[in-house]
Protein backbone atom coordinates (compact mmCIF):
# COMPACT_ATOMS: atom_id res chain seq x y z
CA MET A 1 141.13 10.76 133.65
CA ALA A 2 138.37 7.92 132.56
CA GLU A 3 140.33 7.25 129.39
CA SER A 4 143.66 6.22 131.77
CA ILE A 5 141.60 4.01 133.55
CA TYR A 6 140.00 2.35 130.54
CA SER A 7 143.61 1.74 128.85
CA TRP A 8 144.96 0.36 132.23
CA ILE A 9 142.14 -1.81 132.27
CA GLN A 10 142.47 -2.99 129.11
CA ASN A 11 146.79 -3.41 129.53
CA LEU A 12 145.71 -5.67 132.14
CA ALA A 13 143.15 -7.60 130.26
CA CYS A 14 145.71 -7.57 127.75
CA PHE A 15 148.32 -9.25 130.53
CA PHE A 16 146.23 -12.04 131.86
CA ILE A 17 145.38 -13.14 128.39
CA LEU A 18 148.66 -13.00 127.46
CA ALA A 19 150.07 -14.41 130.77
CA SER A 20 147.53 -17.57 130.17
CA ALA A 21 148.77 -18.81 126.91
CA VAL A 22 151.76 -18.68 127.70
CA MET A 23 150.55 -20.66 130.93
CA HIS A 24 149.18 -23.49 128.74
CA PHE A 25 151.76 -23.90 126.15
CA LEU A 26 154.20 -24.60 128.69
CA PRO A 27 155.88 -28.36 129.38
CA GLU A 28 154.42 -29.60 132.15
CA ASN A 29 156.62 -28.87 135.19
CA SER A 30 159.99 -27.67 133.52
CA TYR A 31 159.95 -24.44 133.71
CA LYS A 32 156.73 -23.11 135.09
CA LYS A 33 157.73 -22.38 138.84
CA TYR A 34 160.64 -19.46 136.16
CA VAL A 35 157.70 -18.46 134.18
CA GLN A 36 155.00 -17.68 136.79
CA PHE A 37 157.32 -15.72 139.03
CA TYR A 38 158.69 -12.90 136.00
CA MET A 39 154.95 -13.08 135.24
CA GLY A 40 154.55 -12.08 138.85
CA LEU A 41 156.93 -9.40 138.14
CA LEU A 42 155.20 -8.11 135.01
CA LEU A 43 152.09 -8.37 136.60
CA ILE A 44 153.62 -5.95 139.45
CA LEU A 45 154.79 -3.61 136.80
CA VAL A 46 151.62 -3.39 135.52
CA ILE A 47 149.17 -2.94 138.54
CA LEU A 48 152.16 0.26 139.28
CA SER A 49 151.96 1.60 136.03
CA PRO A 50 149.39 4.45 137.13
CA ALA A 51 151.59 5.40 140.22
CA PHE A 52 154.79 5.53 137.93
CA GLN A 53 152.71 8.19 135.71
CA PHE A 54 151.75 10.16 138.63
CA THR A 55 154.76 10.05 140.22
CA GLY A 56 157.09 11.06 137.11
CA LEU A 57 158.55 7.51 138.17
CA GLU A 58 157.83 6.44 134.09
CA GLU A 59 159.82 8.75 132.65
CA GLU A 60 162.84 8.07 135.21
CA ILE A 61 162.66 4.62 134.12
CA ASP A 62 162.93 5.49 130.37
CA SER A 63 165.54 7.65 130.71
CA PHE A 64 167.72 4.41 132.75
CA VAL A 65 166.25 1.87 130.03
CA LYS A 66 167.56 4.48 126.83
CA GLU A 67 171.06 5.05 128.71
CA PHE A 68 171.59 0.92 129.00
CA GLN A 69 171.06 0.74 125.66
CA ASP A 70 173.20 4.10 124.34
CA SER A 71 176.21 1.80 126.51
CA ARG A 72 175.09 -1.15 125.58
CA THR A 73 175.72 0.19 121.34
CA ASP A 74 178.85 1.66 122.49
CA ARG A 75 180.18 -0.84 123.34
CA GLU A 76 179.45 -3.13 120.46
CA GLU A 77 180.72 0.51 118.26
CA TRP A 78 184.41 -0.04 120.70
CA GLN A 79 184.64 -3.81 120.03
CA LYS A 80 183.52 -3.31 116.35
CA LYS A 81 186.50 -1.09 116.26
CA ALA A 82 189.21 -3.19 118.09
CA GLN A 83 188.59 -6.43 116.10
CA ASP A 84 188.90 -3.71 112.71
CA TRP A 85 192.08 -2.74 114.29
CA GLU A 86 193.30 -5.87 114.81
CA GLU A 87 192.65 -7.32 111.43
CA SER A 88 194.39 -4.24 110.08
CA TRP A 89 197.61 -5.33 112.59
CA ASN A 90 197.74 -9.00 111.14
CA GLU A 91 197.55 -7.67 107.67
CA ASP A 92 200.26 -4.87 108.10
CA ASN A 93 202.64 -6.79 109.74
CA GLU A 94 201.76 -10.17 108.35
CA GLY A 95 204.84 -12.95 108.53
CA GLU A 96 206.62 -9.75 110.81
CA VAL A 97 208.20 -11.21 114.21
CA ILE A 98 208.00 -8.86 117.10
CA GLU A 99 211.29 -8.75 118.72
CA GLY A 100 211.01 -7.77 122.25
CA GLN A 101 213.14 -8.51 125.45
CA GLU A 102 213.96 -11.80 125.62
CA VAL A 103 211.83 -14.01 128.59
CA ILE A 104 213.83 -15.99 130.86
CA PRO A 105 211.77 -18.61 132.75
């Protein structure tokens, strides 16, 4: 129990060090409010992480992230297959005219 509390405090300290470093490297006012907003969201996640671990929500969130990554990989694979098919179609039918029904405007 004490080790998990120590780990949580360590995560908070690392977050604040990272957040302050990012805020100091930003230009004057251009993106500061947007970065602060997202840093606030991340801070909420870091603070609530022990509650996520206790209730089992962390595993559910991890499964959603993995599912999203898998769907992205599937989409990329399908795009690659479509591109390969299109290239093979162009190579097979180079110079041919596809006949079809005449269109009258």
